[in-house]
Amino acid sequence: MPKEFTIYYTSDTHGHIFPVNYAANLPEASGLLNLASEIRKDGNTLVLDGGDSLQGTPLTQHYLENRSKWPVHPVAAAFNALGLDCFTLGNHDFNFGYEALRDFIDAMDAECLCANLTDLGGELNVRPWTVRTLANGLRVGITGAVTDFVNVWEQPCNMEKLRITDAFDAVARAYEYLKNRCDVTVCIYHGGFEEDLDTGKVLSNSGENVACKIARELEYDILLTGHQHMQVEGVELSGTYAVQPPANAPACIKIGAAVSDGLTRCSSTVLPAGEKCAAEPYNTLLPLEREVQRWLDSPVGELSESIAPEGKLDAALYGSRVADLFNLVQLDATGADFSCTSLGNEPIGLASPVTMRSITAAYLFANTLVVLEVTEEVIRAALERCAEYFALENGVPRVSDMFLRPKIEHYNYDFFAGISYIFDVRRPVGDRVVSLTLPDGSPLGAHKYRLVTSNYRATGTGGYDVLRNCRVLWRGGTEMPDLTARYLRSHSPLYISKHGEMHVLW
């Protein structure tokens, strides 16, 4: 008789605990508390998570900035309510430093598995793998790993006591250990698919995502992926069953599996979060949630006029006043010559008076600032990447498929300040920057300049490889939403001026 078991899998929940859309200030059927009400757990069930749990909502941001005030860790409490058994870490879980990571792991009832993490501080309760024996006698071997691009993205101060090694090598070693000690092997990988799952086309050779390589070269029965925010209900890859849940906890993946004669057969469904959640830990966490809502609604300053929501293509073609504001803040905070910033995937504006809610809705990321030493050659290469955003269809601009598939990436289009430039999108990709000058029309010349950007973009992520090798002149420690609020408090009512010009020809 086959032996059956069930896995509930979440990943990239990004601080979504309560069923709330913070930007819109509206309830929604999402969050770990509501997912917990949908999970039915018995002795043949495992609940697993793929990381990126701490960063992503005003609630977790506010908690982590004031965590000594609150006796219960909200993210851990929510996962404990799910009955979580094991989890790995995501790249964003390192954003808040060693102590915050340690406190999170200590507050979790589940085992933390991260085979490519070395803890030099000796305070993290992390293992490379585990074997769980289910009620039906099945032995399930589980390992976890995080994309080793943590080494590219994370601030050095947050990694002083940590080392991240090659993710593939780590899960390969884990498989060799587990394969003869269990009936089923499971790899939780905070990384995604480097190939198009429909066509097999290689999407990236960077090594950021290696799920297809893991499936092809190792023999895990089940591969639980994340990081890409790309829902994959279930797919067979070289004999390995792989899934990826949607981001921000609107649903989890429920896998039903049966083991017979050494073979594991799987099927899966996307299980949406319900409309209700249990009284606990909801009631325990409610005072924190209410304080966050009060903080979000607090006004921080005024604009000379409100900014209506800006469509993504229109903003890229004609400029964005929201991006102008962020570039203004970045230049003021650093004294750099040039600035570049990006916006989220959804159209956004700013009403006046400006609140913390509207700032965190407009600037979605826990980014800090980095100043790089750049040349005209570097700026031109970065602008050519921006110009790839456009495609022409019957002579009319649209967003290139490069920024839409396999997932939507409007956030990889950057808006620059401190320079004036013209794109001609009738020209081939890579040769579209037809004018690049300083705002007064003079050439950049052979000088070296200071470019301020986010710590995310400074690593070259999103196709801006040219920035990765630039010399770092300065690193900041304050996140952009806080810098923006500080700037508005001291400059209200603020008129958002443009520093440079951008034009697109078609």
Protein backbone atom coordinates (compact mmCIF):
# COMPACT_ATOMS: atom_id res chain seq x y z
CA MET A 1 0.00 0.00 0.00
CA PRO A 2 1.30 3.49 -0.80
CA LYS A 3 2.15 5.69 2.13
CA GLU A 4 0.71 9.15 1.76
CA PHE A 5 1.71 12.51 3.20
CA THR A 6 0.91 16.18 2.73
CA ILE A 7 3.09 19.30 2.54
CA TYR A 8 1.81 22.84 2.98
CA TYR A 9 4.40 25.28 1.62
CA THR A 10 4.72 29.04 1.89
CA SER A 11 7.53 31.30 0.73
CA ASP A 12 8.25 35.00 0.28
CA THR A 13 5.49 35.99 2.71
CA HIS A 14 7.34 39.29 3.24
CA GLY A 15 5.86 40.27 6.58
CA HIS A 16 2.25 39.72 5.54
CA ILE A 17 0.71 38.58 8.82
CA PHE A 18 -2.64 40.34 9.14
CA PRO A 19 -5.26 40.26 6.35
CA VAL A 20 -4.53 43.90 5.48
CA ASN A 21 -3.43 45.85 2.42
CA TYR A 22 -1.41 48.58 4.13
CA ALA A 23 -1.07 50.81 1.09
CA ALA A 24 -4.81 50.91 0.42
CA ASN A 25 -5.76 50.57 4.11
CA LEU A 26 -8.26 47.86 3.20
CA PRO A 27 -8.83 44.30 4.39
CA GLU A 28 -7.89 41.47 2.05
CA ALA A 29 -7.91 37.68 2.18
CA SER A 30 -4.20 37.16 2.74
CA GLY A 31 -1.59 36.86 5.44
CA LEU A 32 -0.17 34.10 7.60
CA LEU A 33 -2.94 34.34 10.20
CA ASN A 34 -5.61 33.63 7.59
CA LEU A 35 -3.55 30.90 5.96
CA ALA A 36 -3.25 29.19 9.33
CA SER A 37 -7.02 28.68 9.40
CA GLU A 38 -6.82 26.70 6.12
CA ILE A 39 -4.13 24.23 7.17
CA ARG A 40 -5.23 20.80 8.41
CA LYS A 41 -2.34 19.10 10.12
CA ASP A 42 -1.95 15.52 11.29
CA GLY A 43 0.95 13.13 11.85
CA ASN A 44 1.50 12.75 8.11
CA THR A 45 1.62 16.47 7.36
CA LEU A 46 4.58 18.84 7.12
CA VAL A 47 4.34 22.63 7.01
CA LEU A 48 7.40 24.24 5.40
CA ASP A 49 8.52 27.75 4.42
CA GLY A 50 11.06 29.08 1.93
CA GLY A 51 12.18 32.36 3.54
CA ASP A 52 11.93 36.11 2.98
CA SER A 53 9.68 36.45 6.00
CA LEU A 54 10.95 39.53 7.84
CA GLN A 55 10.93 42.28 5.22
CA GLY A 56 8.05 43.70 3.27
CA THR A 57 5.31 45.37 5.31
CA PRO A 58 5.10 48.45 7.54
CA LEU A 59 4.23 46.10 10.41
CA THR A 60 7.50 44.21 10.29
CA GLN A 61 9.45 47.39 9.57
CA HIS A 62 7.94 49.10 12.61
CA TYR A 63 8.42 46.02 14.79
CA LEU A 64 12.07 45.55 13.86
CA GLU A 65 12.80 49.22 14.56
CA ASN A 66 11.12 48.97 17.97
CA ARG A 67 11.42 45.29 18.83
CA SER A 68 12.57 45.82 22.42
CA LYS A 69 9.10 47.25 23.11
CA TRP A 70 7.17 44.16 22.01
CA PRO A 71 7.47 40.84 23.89
CA VAL A 72 6.12 38.66 21.04
CA HIS A 73 7.82 38.36 17.67
CA PRO A 74 4.93 38.84 15.20
CA VAL A 75 6.40 36.85 12.32
CA ALA A 76 7.39 33.93 14.53
CA ALA A 77 4.02 33.96 16.29
CA ALA A 78 2.23 33.76 12.94
CA PHE A 79 4.39 30.90 11.67
CA ASN A 80 3.98 29.07 14.96
CA ALA A 81 0.21 29.35 14.47
CA LEU A 82 0.65 27.61 11.10
CA GLY A 83 2.30 24.69 12.85
CA LEU A 84 5.46 25.28 10.82
CA ASP A 85 7.90 22.37 10.97
CA CYS A 86 10.95 23.59 9.02
CA PHE A 87 12.02 26.70 7.15
CA THR A 88 14.99 28.14 5.34
CA LEU A 89 16.15 31.74 5.14
CA GLY A 90 15.62 34.18 2.28
CA ASN A 91 17.99 36.89 1.13
CA HIS A 92 15.85 39.62 2.72
CA ASP A 93 15.96 37.92 6.11
CA PHE A 94 19.55 39.17 6.44
CA ASN A 95 18.57 42.82 5.88
CA PHE A 96 18.24 43.68 9.56
CA GLY A 97 21.48 42.33 10.99
CA TYR A 98 22.69 39.37 13.00
CA GLU A 99 20.78 40.05 16.23
CA ALA A 100 17.42 40.48 14.46
CA LEU A 101 17.99 37.22 12.59
CA ARG A 102 18.96 35.41 15.80
CA ASP A 103 15.88 36.69 17.65
CA PHE A 104 13.61 35.55 14.80
CA ILE A 105 15.09 32.04 14.68
CA ASP A 106 14.95 31.71 18.48
CA ALA A 107 11.27 32.70 18.54
CA MET A 108 10.32 30.06 15.94
CA ASP A 109 9.06 26.63 17.00
CA ALA A 110 10.21 25.25 13.64
CA GLU A 111 13.71 24.09 12.68
CA CYS A 112 15.79 26.48 10.60
CA LEU A 113 17.57 24.61 7.80
CA CYS A 114 20.17 26.42 5.73
CA ALA A 115 22.92 24.19 4.39
CA ASN A 116 24.95 27.02 2.85
CA LEU A 117 25.03 29.25 5.94
CA THR A 118 28.07 29.31 8.23
CA ASP A 119 27.48 31.08 11.53
CA LEU A 120 30.76 32.56 12.77
CA GLY A 121 28.99 34.14 15.73
CA GLY A 122 27.81 30.78 17.04
CA GLU A 123 24.41 32.10 18.18
CA LEU A 124 22.10 30.93 15.40
CA ASN A 125 20.16 27.72 15.85
CA VAL A 126 20.53 26.60 12.23
CA ARG A 127 21.08 23.10 10.84
CA PRO A 128 21.93 21.96 7.31
CA TRP A 129 19.29 19.19 7.19
CA THR A 130 16.91 17.06 9.23
CA VAL A 131 15.04 13.76 8.93
CA ARG A 132 11.41 13.70 10.08
CA THR A 133 9.61 10.38 10.68
CA LEU A 134 5.90 10.64 9.99
CA ALA A 135 3.10 8.72 11.71
CA ASN A 136 2.94 6.23 8.83
CA GLY A 137 6.65 5.49 9.23
CA LEU A 138 7.88 7.48 6.23
CA ARG A 139 11.24 9.14 6.80
CA VAL A 140 11.36 12.53 5.08
CA GLY A 141 14.78 14.14 4.67
CA ILE A 142 14.68 17.93 4.39
CA THR A 143 17.36 20.48 3.63
CA GLY A 144 17.31 24.19 2.84
CA ALA A 145 19.49 26.79 1.16
CA VAL A 146 19.36 30.47 0.23
CA THR A 147 20.51 31.96 -3.07
CA ASP A 148 24.18 32.78 -2.67
CA PHE A 149 23.50 36.19 -4.21
CA VAL A 150 23.08 37.27 -0.60
CA ASN A 151 26.82 37.90 -0.91
CA VAL A 152 26.16 40.33 -3.75
CA TRP A 153 23.21 42.19 -2.27
CA GLU A 154 23.62 42.38 1.48
CA GLN A 155 25.35 45.19 3.35
CA PRO A 156 28.74 43.99 4.62
CA CYS A 157 27.93 45.04 8.20
CA ASN A 158 25.07 42.53 8.27
CA MET A 159 27.31 39.67 7.15
CA GLU A 160 30.29 40.14 9.47
CA LYS A 161 29.40 37.01 11.47
CA LEU A 162 27.96 35.04 8.56
CA ARG A 163 29.18 33.30 5.43
CA ILE A 164 26.98 32.15 2.55
CA THR A 165 28.50 29.48 0.33
CA ASP A 166 27.44 28.15 -3.08
CA ALA A 167 23.80 27.05 -2.87
CA PHE A 168 24.05 24.21 -5.40
CA ASP A 169 27.14 22.71 -3.79
CA ALA A 170 25.46 22.83 -0.38
CA VAL A 171 22.27 21.06 -1.45
CA ALA A 172 24.36 18.53 -3.40
CA ARG A 173 26.22 17.64 -0.19
CA ALA A 174 22.92 17.50 1.67
CA TYR A 175 21.47 15.11 -0.89
CA GLU A 176 24.44 12.76 -0.56
CA TYR A 177 23.88 12.69 3.20
CA LEU A 178 20.10 12.25 3.06
CA LYS A 179 19.53 9.86 0.16
CA ASN A 180 20.31 6.65 2.08
CA ARG A 181 18.79 7.81 5.35
CA CYS A 182 15.22 8.50 4.30
CA ASP A 183 12.40 7.49 1.97
CA VAL A 184 11.69 10.96 0.54
CA THR A 185 14.09 13.87 -0.06
CA VAL A 186 12.88 17.48 0.03
CA CYS A 187 14.95 20.57 -0.82
CA ILE A 188 13.66 24.00 0.28
CA TYR A 189 15.53 26.44 -1.94
CA HIS A 190 15.17 30.19 -1.65
CA GLY A 191 15.91 30.65 -5.30
CA GLY A 192 14.02 30.23 -8.52
CA PHE A 193 14.13 28.81 -12.03
CA GLU A 194 16.88 29.96 -14.36
CA GLU A 195 15.01 28.58 -17.41
CA ASP A 196 11.57 29.24 -18.89
CA LEU A 197 9.48 26.30 -17.69
CA ASP A 198 7.48 26.19 -20.92
CA THR A 199 10.21 26.60 -23.53
CA GLY A 200 13.42 25.70 -21.71
CA LYS A 201 14.97 29.01 -22.77
CA VAL A 202 17.78 30.08 -20.45
CA LEU A 203 16.69 33.21 -18.61
CA SER A 204 19.90 33.85 -16.70
CA ASN A 205 23.37 32.39 -16.28
CA SER A 206 24.18 34.54 -13.25
CA GLY A 207 23.76 31.79 -10.64
CA GLU A 208 21.16 33.78 -8.71
CA ASN A 209 18.61 31.04 -9.51
CA VAL A 210 19.63 27.40 -10.01
CA ALA A 211 16.44 25.39 -9.40
CA CYS A 212 16.57 23.76 -12.83
CA LYS A 213 20.16 22.71 -12.25
CA ILE A 214 19.23 21.23 -8.88
CA ALA A 215 16.42 19.24 -10.48
CA ARG A 216 18.52 18.11 -13.42
CA GLU A 217 21.74 17.14 -11.65
CA LEU A 218 20.48 15.94 -8.27
CA GLU A 219 17.67 13.52 -7.49
CA TYR A 220 15.52 15.23 -4.90
CA ASP A 221 11.96 13.99 -4.92
CA ILE A 222 10.48 17.41 -4.13
CA LEU A 223 11.96 20.86 -4.76
CA LEU A 224 10.27 23.81 -3.03
CA THR A 225 11.40 27.08 -4.60
CA GLY A 226 10.84 30.80 -4.01
CA HIS A 227 12.51 34.18 -4.46
CA GLN A 228 11.14 34.89 -7.94
CA HIS A 229 7.56 35.70 -6.82
CA MET A 230 6.37 33.53 -9.69
CA GLN A 231 3.53 31.11 -8.93
CA VAL A 232 4.25 27.56 -10.10
CA GLU A 233 1.51 25.20 -8.94
CA GLY A 234 3.51 22.10 -9.83
CA VAL A 235 5.91 20.92 -12.54
CA GLU A 236 7.99 17.80 -13.19
CA LEU A 237 11.64 18.63 -13.84
CA SER A 238 13.91 15.69 -14.63
CA GLY A 239 12.04 13.49 -12.17
CA THR A 240 11.82 16.11 -9.43
CA TYR A 241 8.48 17.66 -8.49
CA ALA A 242 8.88 21.44 -8.13
CA VAL A 243 6.56 24.21 -6.95
CA GLN A 244 6.68 27.91 -6.12
CA PRO A 245 3.95 29.72 -4.16
CA PRO A 246 2.77 33.27 -4.80
CA ALA A 247 4.44 36.04 -2.80
CA ASN A 248 2.94 38.03 0.08
CA ALA A 249 0.85 35.18 1.52
CA PRO A 250 -2.37 35.27 -0.52
CA ALA A 251 -2.12 31.47 -0.75
CA CYS A 252 0.13 28.49 -0.11
CA ILE A 253 0.88 25.37 -2.11
CA LYS A 254 -0.66 22.13 -0.86
CA ILE A 255 1.18 19.03 -2.09
CA GLY A 256 -0.30 15.56 -1.83
CA ALA A 257 2.30 12.80 -2.16
CA ALA A 258 2.31 9.02 -2.13
CA VAL A 259 5.34 6.75 -1.80
CA SER A 260 5.27 3.24 -3.22
CA ASP A 261 8.10 0.93 -4.31
CA GLY A 262 10.63 3.70 -3.80
CA LEU A 263 8.80 6.17 -6.05
CA THR A 264 7.24 9.43 -4.88
CA ARG A 265 4.24 10.69 -6.85
CA CYS A 266 2.96 14.22 -6.24
CA SER A 267 0.12 16.51 -7.15
CA SER A 268 -0.51 20.01 -5.86
CA THR A 269 -2.98 22.85 -5.68
CA VAL A 270 -2.86 26.51 -4.77
CA LEU A 271 -4.74 26.92 -1.47
CA PRO A 272 -6.00 30.48 -0.95
CA ALA A 273 -5.98 32.21 2.44
CA GLY A 274 -9.38 32.16 4.08
CA GLU A 275 -11.58 35.05 5.17
CA LYS A 276 -11.08 34.43 8.90
CA CYS A 277 -8.35 33.67 11.39
CA ALA A 278 -8.22 32.24 14.90
CA ALA A 279 -8.39 34.47 17.97
CA GLU A 280 -4.74 33.76 18.74
CA PRO A 281 -2.22 35.05 18.01
CA TYR A 282 -4.46 37.70 16.39
CA ASN A 283 -5.47 39.25 19.72
CA THR A 284 -1.94 39.18 21.10
CA LEU A 285 -0.56 40.96 18.02
CA LEU A 286 -3.44 43.42 17.66
CA PRO A 287 -1.86 46.18 19.83
CA LEU A 288 1.18 46.19 17.53
CA GLU A 289 -1.06 46.30 14.46
CA ARG A 290 -3.03 49.23 15.85
CA GLU A 291 0.14 51.17 16.66
CA VAL A 292 1.40 50.55 13.12
CA GLN A 293 -1.87 51.89 11.69
CA ARG A 294 -1.58 55.05 13.80
CA TRP A 295 2.03 55.50 12.68
CA LEU A 296 1.08 55.04 9.04
CA ASP A 297 -1.64 57.68 9.22
CA SER A 298 0.58 60.28 10.82
CA PRO A 299 1.26 63.21 8.43
CA VAL A 300 4.90 63.98 7.75
CA GLY A 301 4.64 66.98 5.41
CA GLU A 302 2.92 68.63 2.48
CA LEU A 303 3.47 68.89 -1.26
CA SER A 304 2.79 72.04 -3.26
CA GLU A 305 0.30 69.86 -5.15
CA SER A 306 -0.74 66.22 -4.99
CA ILE A 307 0.57 63.70 -7.52
CA ALA A 308 -2.02 61.56 -9.30
CA PRO A 309 -1.21 57.86 -9.79
CA GLU A 310 1.26 57.48 -12.66
CA GLY A 311 0.89 54.72 -15.23
CA LYS A 312 4.02 52.64 -15.65
CA LEU A 313 4.55 53.21 -19.38
CA ASP A 314 3.61 56.90 -19.20
CA ALA A 315 6.06 57.45 -16.33
CA ALA A 316 8.85 55.75 -18.28
CA LEU A 317 8.07 57.79 -21.40
CA TYR A 318 7.49 61.20 -19.89
CA GLY A 319 8.99 61.10 -16.41
CA SER A 320 7.67 60.51 -12.91
CA ARG A 321 7.17 63.15 -10.23
CA VAL A 322 7.25 60.42 -7.58
CA ALA A 323 10.65 59.31 -8.86
CA ASP A 324 11.72 62.97 -9.00
CA LEU A 325 10.92 63.20 -5.26
CA PHE A 326 12.98 60.14 -4.40
CA ASN A 327 15.91 61.35 -6.48
CA LEU A 328 15.66 64.73 -4.76
CA VAL A 329 15.82 63.00 -1.37
CA GLN A 330 18.77 60.85 -2.45
CA LEU A 331 20.76 63.81 -3.74
CA ASP A 332 20.06 65.83 -0.61
CA ALA A 333 21.06 62.96 1.69
CA THR A 334 24.38 62.30 -0.05
CA GLY A 335 25.49 65.34 -2.02
CA ALA A 336 26.06 63.08 -5.03
CA ASP A 337 26.26 64.41 -8.59
CA PHE A 338 23.69 62.01 -10.07
CA SER A 339 20.91 59.86 -8.67
CA CYS A 340 18.80 56.98 -9.91
CA THR A 341 15.77 55.34 -8.38
CA SER A 342 13.07 52.86 -9.36
CA LEU A 343 9.39 52.42 -8.51
CA GLY A 344 7.25 49.39 -7.75
CA ASN A 345 5.12 47.42 -10.18
CA GLU A 346 1.85 49.24 -9.48
CA PRO A 347 0.94 52.81 -10.52
CA ILE A 348 1.38 55.12 -7.55
CA GLY A 349 0.89 58.77 -6.66
CA LEU A 350 1.20 60.93 -3.54
CA ALA A 351 -1.62 62.91 -1.97
CA SER A 352 -0.95 65.94 0.19
CA PRO A 353 -0.59 66.02 3.15
CA VAL A 354 1.81 63.10 2.85
CA THR A 355 1.57 60.31 5.43
CA MET A 356 3.90 57.46 6.27
CA ARG A 357 1.32 55.18 4.65
CA SER A 358 1.62 56.94 1.32
CA ILE A 359 5.43 56.99 1.51
CA THR A 360 5.67 53.28 2.25
CA ALA A 361 3.15 52.60 -0.53
CA ALA A 362 5.21 54.62 -3.00
CA TYR A 363 8.60 53.28 -1.89
CA LEU A 364 8.04 49.59 -1.27
CA PHE A 365 11.54 48.45 -0.44
CA ALA A 366 13.75 48.36 2.66
CA ASN A 367 16.56 49.98 0.67
CA THR A 368 19.41 52.09 1.94
CA LEU A 369 21.65 54.30 -0.18
CA VAL A 370 25.04 53.70 -1.77
CA VAL A 371 27.23 56.23 -3.57
CA LEU A 372 29.29 54.82 -6.45
CA GLU A 373 32.14 56.33 -8.43
CA VAL A 374 31.04 56.35 -12.09
CA THR A 375 32.12 57.61 -15.49
CA GLU A 376 30.18 58.61 -18.58
CA GLU A 377 30.73 55.08 -19.91
CA VAL A 378 29.07 53.59 -16.82
CA ILE A 379 26.10 55.98 -16.95
CA ARG A 380 25.60 55.34 -20.65
CA ALA A 381 25.60 51.55 -20.12
CA ALA A 382 23.06 51.87 -17.29
CA LEU A 383 20.84 54.06 -19.46
CA GLU A 384 20.99 51.52 -22.28
CA ARG A 385 19.59 48.99 -19.81
CA CYS A 386 16.75 51.41 -19.04
CA ALA A 387 16.08 51.88 -22.75
CA GLU A 388 15.49 48.13 -23.09
CA TYR A 389 12.21 48.75 -21.26
CA PHE A 390 10.59 49.88 -24.51
CA ALA A 391 9.40 47.93 -27.52
CA LEU A 392 7.58 49.28 -30.57
CA GLU A 393 4.41 47.70 -31.86
CA ASN A 394 3.09 49.24 -35.09
CA GLY A 395 5.20 52.27 -34.26
CA VAL A 396 3.67 52.71 -30.79
CA PRO A 397 5.73 52.17 -27.61
CA ARG A 398 4.84 49.39 -25.21
CA VAL A 399 6.65 47.70 -22.34
CA SER A 400 9.15 45.14 -23.58
CA ASP A 401 8.48 41.49 -22.81
CA MET A 402 11.91 41.50 -21.18
CA PHE A 403 10.32 43.37 -18.26
CA LEU A 404 7.09 41.37 -18.23
CA ARG A 405 8.10 37.70 -18.55
CA PRO A 406 8.54 35.36 -16.82
CA LYS A 407 7.49 37.89 -14.19
CA ILE A 408 6.65 41.59 -14.14
CA GLU A 409 9.69 43.76 -13.36
CA HIS A 410 8.74 47.42 -13.80
CA TYR A 411 10.97 48.01 -10.76
CA ASN A 412 14.00 47.38 -12.97
CA TYR A 413 13.40 50.58 -14.95
CA ASP A 414 15.42 53.40 -13.37
CA PHE A 415 14.75 57.15 -13.38
CA PHE A 416 17.87 59.35 -13.35
CA ALA A 417 18.49 62.85 -12.03
CA GLY A 418 21.47 65.14 -12.51
CA ILE A 419 21.79 64.40 -16.22
CA SER A 420 19.83 65.02 -19.41
CA TYR A 421 19.38 62.19 -21.88
CA ILE A 422 17.39 61.08 -24.91
CA PHE A 423 16.37 57.53 -25.89
CA ASP A 424 15.51 56.68 -29.50
CA VAL A 425 13.63 53.41 -29.22
CA ARG A 426 13.50 53.01 -32.99
CA ARG A 427 17.16 52.04 -32.75
CA PRO A 428 18.41 48.55 -31.79
CA VAL A 429 18.63 47.56 -28.13
CA GLY A 430 22.03 48.56 -26.81
CA ASP A 431 22.30 51.60 -29.10
CA ARG A 432 19.39 53.76 -28.01
CA VAL A 433 21.04 56.52 -25.95
CA VAL A 434 21.42 59.23 -28.58
CA SER A 435 22.15 62.14 -26.22
CA LEU A 436 23.76 62.32 -22.76
CA THR A 437 24.78 65.63 -21.16
CA LEU A 438 24.81 67.50 -17.90
CA PRO A 439 21.63 69.56 -17.25
CA ASP A 440 23.26 72.69 -18.72
CA GLY A 441 23.95 70.86 -21.97
CA SER A 442 27.68 70.38 -21.46
CA PRO A 443 29.25 66.95 -22.00
CA LEU A 444 30.13 64.66 -19.11
CA GLY A 445 33.64 64.28 -20.46
CA ALA A 446 36.36 62.20 -18.86
CA HIS A 447 35.51 63.18 -15.28
CA LYS A 448 34.57 60.81 -12.48
CA TYR A 449 31.20 61.39 -10.84
CA ARG A 450 29.27 60.27 -7.78
CA LEU A 451 26.05 58.32 -8.42
CA VAL A 452 23.66 57.62 -5.53
CA THR A 453 21.40 54.61 -5.89
CA SER A 454 19.85 51.93 -3.71
CA ASN A 455 21.93 49.22 -2.10
CA TYR A 456 19.90 46.80 -4.27
CA ARG A 457 20.78 48.47 -7.58
CA ALA A 458 24.40 49.10 -6.56
CA THR A 459 25.02 45.36 -6.72
CA GLY A 460 24.19 45.33 -10.44
CA THR A 461 20.91 43.49 -9.95
CA GLY A 462 18.19 43.87 -12.57
CA GLY A 463 20.49 43.98 -15.58
CA TYR A 464 22.73 46.81 -14.35
CA ASP A 465 25.87 44.68 -14.21
CA VAL A 466 27.99 47.71 -15.03
CA LEU A 467 27.36 49.10 -11.53
CA ARG A 468 28.62 46.00 -9.75
CA ASN A 469 32.29 46.79 -10.32
CA CYS A 470 32.10 50.51 -9.48
CA ARG A 471 34.03 51.73 -6.47
CA VAL A 472 31.82 52.29 -3.41
CA LEU A 473 32.41 55.76 -1.98
CA TRP A 474 29.79 55.72 0.79
CA ARG A 475 27.11 53.49 2.31
CA GLY A 476 24.14 54.75 4.30
CA GLY A 477 22.24 52.96 7.05
CA THR A 478 18.86 54.75 6.98
CA GLU A 479 16.09 53.30 4.84
CA MET A 480 14.61 55.44 2.07
CA PRO A 481 11.06 55.76 3.52
CA ASP A 482 12.57 57.26 6.67
CA LEU A 483 14.83 59.58 4.65
CA THR A 484 11.84 60.70 2.61
CA ALA A 485 9.75 61.44 5.69
CA ARG A 486 12.65 63.38 7.22
CA TYR A 487 13.09 65.45 4.05
CA LEU A 488 9.39 66.29 3.84
CA ARG A 489 9.26 67.37 7.47
CA SER A 490 11.97 69.94 6.85
CA HIS A 491 10.92 71.14 3.37
CA SER A 492 7.11 71.49 3.53
CA PRO A 493 5.30 72.57 1.53
CA LEU A 494 7.57 70.89 -1.02
CA TYR A 495 7.72 71.78 -4.68
CA ILE A 496 9.29 68.83 -6.51
CA SER A 497 11.79 70.19 -8.97
CA LYS A 498 13.40 68.26 -11.81
CA HIS A 499 17.18 68.02 -12.00
CA GLY A 500 17.86 67.15 -15.63
CA GLU A 501 15.63 66.06 -18.51
CA MET A 502 14.65 62.79 -20.17
CA HIS A 503 13.01 62.35 -23.58
CA VAL A 504 11.99 59.26 -25.53
CA LEU A 505 11.78 59.33 -29.32
CA TRP A 506 9.73 56.83 -31.35
